[in-house]
Protein backbone atom coordinates (compact mmCIF):
# COMPACT_ATOMS: atom_id res chain seq x y z
CA UNK A 1 0.61 22.65 -10.66
CA UNK A 2 -3.03 22.65 -11.63
CA UNK A 3 -5.37 20.21 -9.96
CA UNK A 4 -6.19 19.06 -13.52
CA UNK A 5 -2.67 17.61 -13.87
CA UNK A 6 -2.40 14.05 -12.59
CA UNK A 7 0.46 13.43 -10.13
CA UNK A 8 3.37 11.34 -11.37
CA UNK A 9 4.05 10.20 -7.79
CA UNK A 10 1.45 10.23 -5.04
CA UNK A 11 2.44 9.31 -1.48
CA UNK A 12 -0.30 8.66 1.08
CA UNK A 13 0.01 7.83 4.80
CA UNK A 14 3.65 6.76 4.39
CA UNK A 15 5.21 5.39 7.56
CA UNK A 16 8.74 4.00 7.71
CA UNK A 17 9.98 2.58 10.99
CA UNK A 18 13.03 0.61 12.04
CA UNK A 19 12.86 -2.17 14.61
CA UNK A 20 15.97 -1.87 16.78
CA UNK A 21 17.16 -3.37 20.06
CA UNK A 22 16.29 -0.08 21.77
CA UNK A 23 12.77 0.07 20.36
CA UNK A 24 10.87 1.14 17.26
CA UNK A 25 12.27 4.19 15.46
CA UNK A 26 9.57 6.08 13.51
CA UNK A 27 11.81 7.76 10.93
CA UNK A 28 8.95 8.82 8.63
CA UNK A 29 5.56 9.20 10.25
CA UNK A 30 2.31 9.50 8.29
CA UNK A 31 3.39 11.81 5.46
CA UNK A 32 1.72 12.48 2.15
CA UNK A 33 2.56 14.57 -0.89
CA UNK A 34 2.37 14.54 -4.70
CA UNK A 35 5.00 15.10 -7.36
CA UNK A 36 3.81 16.33 -10.76
CA UNK A 37 5.41 15.65 -14.18
CA UNK A 38 8.33 17.95 -14.96
CA UNK A 39 8.32 19.86 -11.65
CA UNK A 40 11.08 20.27 -9.08
CA UNK A 41 9.83 19.67 -5.53
CA UNK A 42 12.09 20.70 -2.68
CA UNK A 43 12.26 18.58 0.49
CA UNK A 44 14.02 20.47 3.29
CA UNK A 45 14.76 20.10 6.99
CA UNK A 46 17.55 19.45 9.46
CA UNK A 47 19.64 16.30 9.41
CA UNK A 48 17.68 13.37 10.81
CA UNK A 49 14.21 14.72 9.92
CA UNK A 50 13.43 11.83 7.53
CA UNK A 51 14.20 13.33 4.10
CA UNK A 52 16.59 10.60 2.90
CA UNK A 53 14.50 7.81 4.41
CA UNK A 54 11.52 9.12 2.43
CA UNK A 55 13.49 8.84 -0.83
CA UNK A 56 14.84 5.39 0.04
CA UNK A 57 11.30 4.28 0.91
CA UNK A 58 10.01 5.37 -2.51
CA UNK A 59 12.68 3.28 -4.24
CA UNK A 60 12.36 0.47 -1.69
CA UNK A 61 16.08 0.50 -1.02
CA UNK A 62 15.69 -0.20 2.71
CA UNK A 63 16.25 -3.72 4.01
CA UNK A 64 12.99 -5.10 5.42
CA UNK A 65 13.39 -6.07 8.24
CA UNK A 66 14.62 -4.14 10.22
CA UNK A 67 12.77 -1.48 8.19
CA UNK A 68 9.00 -1.61 7.80
CA UNK A 69 7.25 0.55 5.18
CA UNK A 70 3.47 1.02 5.17
CA UNK A 71 1.04 3.29 3.35
CA UNK A 72 0.78 3.89 -0.41
CA UNK A 73 3.47 5.01 -2.84
CA UNK A 74 1.67 5.29 -6.19
CA UNK A 75 3.83 5.87 -9.25
CA UNK A 76 1.77 6.20 -12.43
CA UNK A 77 -1.16 4.58 -10.60
CA UNK A 78 0.88 1.56 -9.43
CA UNK A 79 1.46 1.08 -5.71
CA UNK A 80 5.21 0.42 -5.46
CA UNK A 81 4.76 -1.28 -2.10
CA UNK A 82 2.71 -4.03 -3.78
CA UNK A 83 5.29 -4.86 -6.48
CA UNK A 84 7.60 -7.86 -6.25
CA UNK A 85 11.41 -7.52 -6.33
CA UNK A 86 11.72 -8.05 -10.10
CA UNK A 87 8.98 -5.51 -10.91
CA UNK A 88 10.68 -3.00 -8.62
CA UNK A 89 14.07 -3.56 -10.29
CA UNK A 90 12.47 -2.77 -13.65
CA UNK A 91 11.32 0.60 -12.29
CA UNK A 92 14.56 1.57 -10.55
CA UNK A 93 16.89 3.31 -12.97
CA UNK A 94 14.41 3.15 -15.84
CA UNK A 95 11.47 5.17 -14.48
CA UNK A 96 12.80 6.42 -11.14
CA UNK A 97 16.49 7.16 -10.51
CA UNK A 98 18.37 8.39 -7.46
CA UNK A 99 21.36 10.67 -7.07
CA UNK A 100 23.06 9.96 -3.74
CA UNK A 101 24.78 12.61 -1.66
CA UNK A 102 28.20 10.88 -1.62
CA UNK A 103 29.14 9.62 -5.11
CA UNK A 104 32.23 7.73 -3.91
CA UNK A 105 30.07 5.37 -1.85
CA UNK A 106 27.39 4.96 -4.55
CA UNK A 107 29.85 4.11 -7.36
CA UNK A 108 31.37 0.64 -7.65
CA UNK A 109 35.14 1.06 -7.06
CA UNK A 110 36.11 -2.01 -9.17
CA UNK A 111 34.16 -1.04 -12.32
CA UNK A 112 35.00 1.79 -14.70
CA UNK A 113 32.63 4.75 -14.93
CA UNK A 114 31.65 3.74 -18.46
CA UNK A 115 30.85 0.17 -17.44
CA UNK A 116 28.57 1.36 -14.65
CA UNK A 117 26.56 3.65 -16.95
CA UNK A 118 26.48 1.05 -19.75
CA UNK A 119 25.11 -1.60 -17.38
CA UNK A 120 21.90 0.39 -16.85
CA UNK A 121 21.56 0.93 -20.61
CA UNK A 122 21.96 -2.80 -21.31
CA UNK A 123 19.45 -3.78 -18.63
CA UNK A 124 16.73 -1.23 -19.33
CA UNK A 125 17.22 -0.09 -22.94
CA UNK A 126 18.12 -3.55 -24.28
CA UNK A 127 21.30 -2.27 -25.95
CA UNK A 128 24.21 -4.42 -27.10
CA UNK A 129 27.51 -4.07 -25.22
CA UNK A 130 28.94 -1.80 -27.93
CA UNK A 131 25.81 0.35 -28.16
CA UNK A 132 25.68 0.71 -24.36
CA UNK A 133 29.35 1.78 -24.24
CA UNK A 134 28.79 4.46 -26.90
CA UNK A 135 25.71 5.61 -24.99
CA UNK A 136 27.74 5.82 -21.75
CA UNK A 137 30.35 8.01 -23.46
CA UNK A 138 27.59 10.21 -24.88
CA UNK A 139 26.03 10.60 -21.41
CA UNK A 140 29.40 11.67 -19.96
CA UNK A 141 29.66 14.22 -22.75
CA UNK A 142 26.13 15.43 -21.97
CA UNK A 143 27.01 16.10 -18.31
CA UNK A 144 30.03 18.09 -19.51
CA UNK A 145 32.83 15.79 -18.38
CA UNK A 146 35.91 16.70 -20.47
CA UNK A 147 37.44 13.89 -22.53
CA UNK A 148 34.48 11.51 -22.09
CA UNK A 149 36.11 8.72 -24.15
CA UNK A 150 39.05 8.67 -21.75
CA UNK A 151 37.05 9.24 -18.56
CA UNK A 152 34.69 6.37 -19.39
CA UNK A 153 37.67 4.01 -18.92
CA UNK A 154 38.64 5.53 -15.55
CA UNK A 155 37.76 4.07 -12.15
CA UNK A 156 35.90 6.31 -9.66
CA UNK A 157 38.98 7.06 -7.54
CA UNK A 158 40.64 8.74 -10.53
CA UNK A 159 37.91 11.39 -10.81
CA UNK A 160 37.50 14.54 -8.74
CA UNK A 161 34.46 14.97 -6.50
CA UNK A 162 32.70 17.16 -9.04
CA UNK A 163 33.39 14.71 -11.88
CA UNK A 164 32.15 11.77 -9.78
CA UNK A 165 28.92 13.62 -9.07
CA UNK A 166 28.51 14.35 -12.79
CA UNK A 167 29.06 10.67 -13.50
CA UNK A 168 26.34 9.76 -10.97
CA UNK A 169 23.99 12.24 -12.67
CA UNK A 170 24.86 10.68 -16.04
CA UNK A 171 24.02 7.26 -14.61
CA UNK A 172 20.72 8.54 -13.19
CA UNK A 173 19.75 10.05 -16.56
CA UNK A 174 21.01 7.21 -18.74
CA UNK A 175 17.55 5.65 -19.19
CA UNK A 176 15.58 8.93 -19.41
CA UNK A 177 13.70 8.45 -16.09
CA UNK A 178 10.45 10.25 -15.39
CA UNK A 179 11.48 11.03 -11.78
CA UNK A 180 14.83 11.64 -10.08
CA UNK A 181 15.26 11.59 -6.30
CA UNK A 182 18.30 13.84 -5.71
CA UNK A 183 19.56 13.40 -2.13
CA UNK A 184 21.88 16.28 -1.20
CA UNK A 185 23.56 16.18 -4.64
CA UNK A 186 26.03 18.97 -3.83
CA UNK A 187 26.84 18.40 -0.14
CA UNK A 188 30.47 17.27 -0.53
CA UNK A 189 31.35 19.82 -3.22
CA UNK A 190 32.82 23.31 -3.01
CA UNK A 191 30.63 26.31 -3.81
CA UNK A 192 31.84 26.76 -7.40
CA UNK A 193 31.24 23.10 -8.29
CA UNK A 194 27.86 23.22 -6.48
CA UNK A 195 26.73 26.00 -8.82
CA UNK A 196 27.93 24.06 -11.87
CA UNK A 197 26.09 20.90 -10.78
CA UNK A 198 22.87 22.84 -10.08
CA UNK A 199 23.02 24.60 -13.47
CA UNK A 200 23.63 21.23 -15.10
CA UNK A 201 20.60 19.69 -13.38
CA UNK A 202 18.39 22.61 -14.47
CA UNK A 203 19.59 22.22 -18.07
CA UNK A 204 19.09 18.44 -18.12
CA UNK A 205 15.68 18.71 -16.43
CA UNK A 206 14.50 21.06 -19.17
CA UNK A 207 15.93 18.81 -21.88
CA UNK A 208 14.56 15.51 -20.56
CA UNK A 209 11.35 16.93 -18.92
CA UNK A 210 12.19 14.95 -15.80
CA UNK A 211 10.53 15.58 -12.42
CA UNK A 212 12.98 16.05 -9.54
CA UNK A 213 12.55 15.66 -5.80
CA UNK A 214 15.45 17.75 -4.48
CA UNK A 215 16.40 16.80 -0.93
CA UNK A 216 18.62 19.31 0.83
CA UNK A 217 19.06 21.54 3.86
CA UNK A 218 20.36 24.38 1.64
CA UNK A 219 17.50 26.84 1.24
CA UNK A 220 19.48 28.86 -1.29
CA UNK A 221 19.52 25.89 -3.67
CA UNK A 222 15.81 25.33 -3.05
CA UNK A 223 15.05 28.98 -3.88
CA UNK A 224 16.89 28.64 -7.18
CA UNK A 225 15.67 25.20 -8.25
CA UNK A 226 12.25 24.34 -6.77
CA UNK A 227 8.75 25.50 -7.62
CA UNK A 228 7.21 23.99 -4.47
CA UNK A 229 8.68 23.15 -1.05
CA UNK A 230 7.91 20.64 1.67
CA UNK A 231 9.42 21.25 5.11
CA UNK A 232 10.00 18.21 7.33
CA UNK A 233 10.71 18.04 11.05
CA UNK A 234 11.19 14.91 13.18
CA UNK A 235 9.68 12.59 10.58
CA UNK A 236 6.63 14.74 9.79
CA UNK A 237 5.71 17.31 7.16
CA UNK A 238 5.16 20.61 8.99
CA UNK A 239 4.59 22.91 6.00
CA UNK A 240 4.09 22.82 2.23
CA UNK A 241 3.93 25.89 -0.01
CA UNK A 242 4.87 27.27 -3.43
CA UNK A 243 8.44 28.58 -3.26
CA UNK A 244 7.64 32.30 -3.41
CA UNK A 245 4.90 32.03 -0.79
CA UNK A 246 7.14 30.08 1.58
CA UNK A 247 9.95 32.66 1.49
CA UNK A 248 7.58 35.62 1.59
CA UNK A 249 5.19 34.35 4.26
CA UNK A 250 6.34 31.24 6.21
CA UNK A 251 3.56 30.01 8.51
CA UNK A 252 5.13 27.31 10.74
CA UNK A 253 7.49 28.48 13.52
CA UNK A 254 10.06 25.89 12.41
CA UNK A 255 10.01 27.22 8.83
CA UNK A 256 10.42 30.75 10.18
CA UNK A 257 13.39 29.53 12.21
CA UNK A 258 15.00 27.91 9.17
CA UNK A 259 14.62 31.05 7.08
CA UNK A 260 15.79 33.22 9.96
CA UNK A 261 18.97 31.19 10.34
CA UNK A 262 20.12 32.04 6.79
CA UNK A 263 23.05 34.46 7.22
CA UNK A 264 22.43 37.89 5.68
CA UNK A 265 25.19 40.50 5.63
CA UNK A 266 24.34 43.35 7.96
CA UNK A 267 21.27 41.71 9.50
CA UNK A 268 21.18 41.39 13.29
CA UNK A 269 18.62 39.79 15.57
CA UNK A 270 17.16 41.37 18.72
CA UNK A 271 20.23 40.42 20.76
CA UNK A 272 22.63 41.99 18.27
CA UNK A 273 23.86 38.69 16.80
CA UNK A 274 24.31 38.33 13.06
CA UNK A 275 23.41 34.63 12.95
CA UNK A 276 20.03 33.59 14.33
CA UNK A 277 19.47 30.04 15.51
CA UNK A 278 16.74 27.61 16.48
CA UNK A 279 17.29 26.74 20.17
CA UNK A 280 17.57 23.13 21.28
CA UNK A 281 18.09 20.00 19.22
CA UNK A 282 16.00 17.62 17.11
CA UNK A 283 14.31 15.10 19.46
CA UNK A 284 15.40 11.47 19.53
CA UNK A 285 13.13 9.29 17.36
CA UNK A 286 12.92 6.92 20.33
CA UNK A 287 11.60 9.67 22.60
CA UNK A 288 9.36 12.07 20.69
CA UNK A 289 7.66 14.90 22.61
CA UNK A 290 3.95 14.62 23.39
CA UNK A 291 1.81 16.85 21.19
CA UNK A 292 3.59 18.92 18.57
CA UNK A 293 7.08 17.56 18.00
CA UNK A 294 8.50 21.07 17.69
CA UNK A 295 7.03 22.32 20.97
CA UNK A 296 10.26 22.08 23.07
CA UNK A 297 12.00 24.45 20.63
CA UNK A 298 9.08 26.64 19.57
CA UNK A 299 9.11 30.35 20.59
CA UNK A 300 5.30 30.47 20.35
CA UNK A 301 4.49 27.26 22.22
CA UNK A 302 1.10 27.04 23.96
CA UNK A 303 -0.22 24.57 26.56
CA UNK A 304 -2.23 22.82 23.87
CA UNK A 305 0.94 22.21 21.82
CA UNK A 306 2.36 20.11 24.68
CA UNK A 307 -0.70 17.88 24.95
CA UNK A 308 -2.30 17.40 21.53
CA UNK A 309 -0.81 16.73 18.12
CA UNK A 310 -1.77 19.60 15.78
CA UNK A 311 -3.92 19.04 12.68
CA UNK A 312 -2.70 19.53 9.13
CA UNK A 313 -4.45 22.73 8.05
CA UNK A 314 -4.98 23.26 4.31
CA UNK A 315 -4.72 26.87 3.15
CA UNK A 316 -5.07 26.52 -0.60
CA UNK A 317 -4.36 23.97 -3.30
CA UNK A 318 -0.67 23.55 -2.45
CA UNK A 319 -0.46 25.24 0.96
CA UNK A 320 -0.75 23.40 4.28
CA UNK A 321 0.63 23.81 7.80
CA UNK A 322 0.88 21.46 10.79
CA UNK A 323 0.37 23.97 13.61
CA UNK A 324 -2.21 24.91 16.22
CA UNK A 325 -1.55 28.61 15.50
CA UNK A 326 -3.06 28.13 12.04
CA UNK A 327 -5.98 25.88 13.09
């Protein structure tokens, strides 16, 4: 995106911690990034790196306490952290929606699919009950659920996993939001349904001109969907780059490890193994390493990495790396 385009969402110095009996867990630590109108931004990293907490922080869906969110989350020049509960409710669903990774736990089991979509339309689009129901059926048709009139009267348990995820997407799109936070939208689905859901999201994004923050650990989906990628590790952003640059020339050792761990038929590493891996495990958020958080697993670790936290090095308008090797 050009620097002339104003960000739709601008996150600055975001920190999200949880106060527990064992201590303070810094789940998201001093991150910042922008999301521009109509773009798809990929947010990748291993489980536990802070991707989902970032999305939940933007929508203020974390209970405070034990969570504590600081920094600035500016959406259309309004700091979401300064809004009261009612102002935030008016933004959720209407301007910013979220697609959760497990639709069965994000749908209400005692309400029909149609009622759940219609509720958002009544609240945010000021529709009558009949208008909202017709809109719900139309949204189910738009996400390609067969027999939408019948399915709108079904409860979540009567739908397959793929249909439930389509229903969640219909709910997220029901008020034409400007931004969708999609948290692992295809994790629980088989490969064929994953492809259908991704194609559907691309189609709907183009139709509604909606910006998407796509949270996933699947780099194949990121390569297909995103124009720009942010890589997170242990609560921090370690690299940001346009999609083609990231795959062609990854700069951070962790990013190189992620790309190297993608299975490729016929490709072997130096030891003759087909599947490369990043040694070690993600550190506990209660016991982060001194210096660079990736240093215990990094193949290019230096003494400085174990003592000092590396700076974020900018290498262009949308390229930055958190690594001493690039400083």
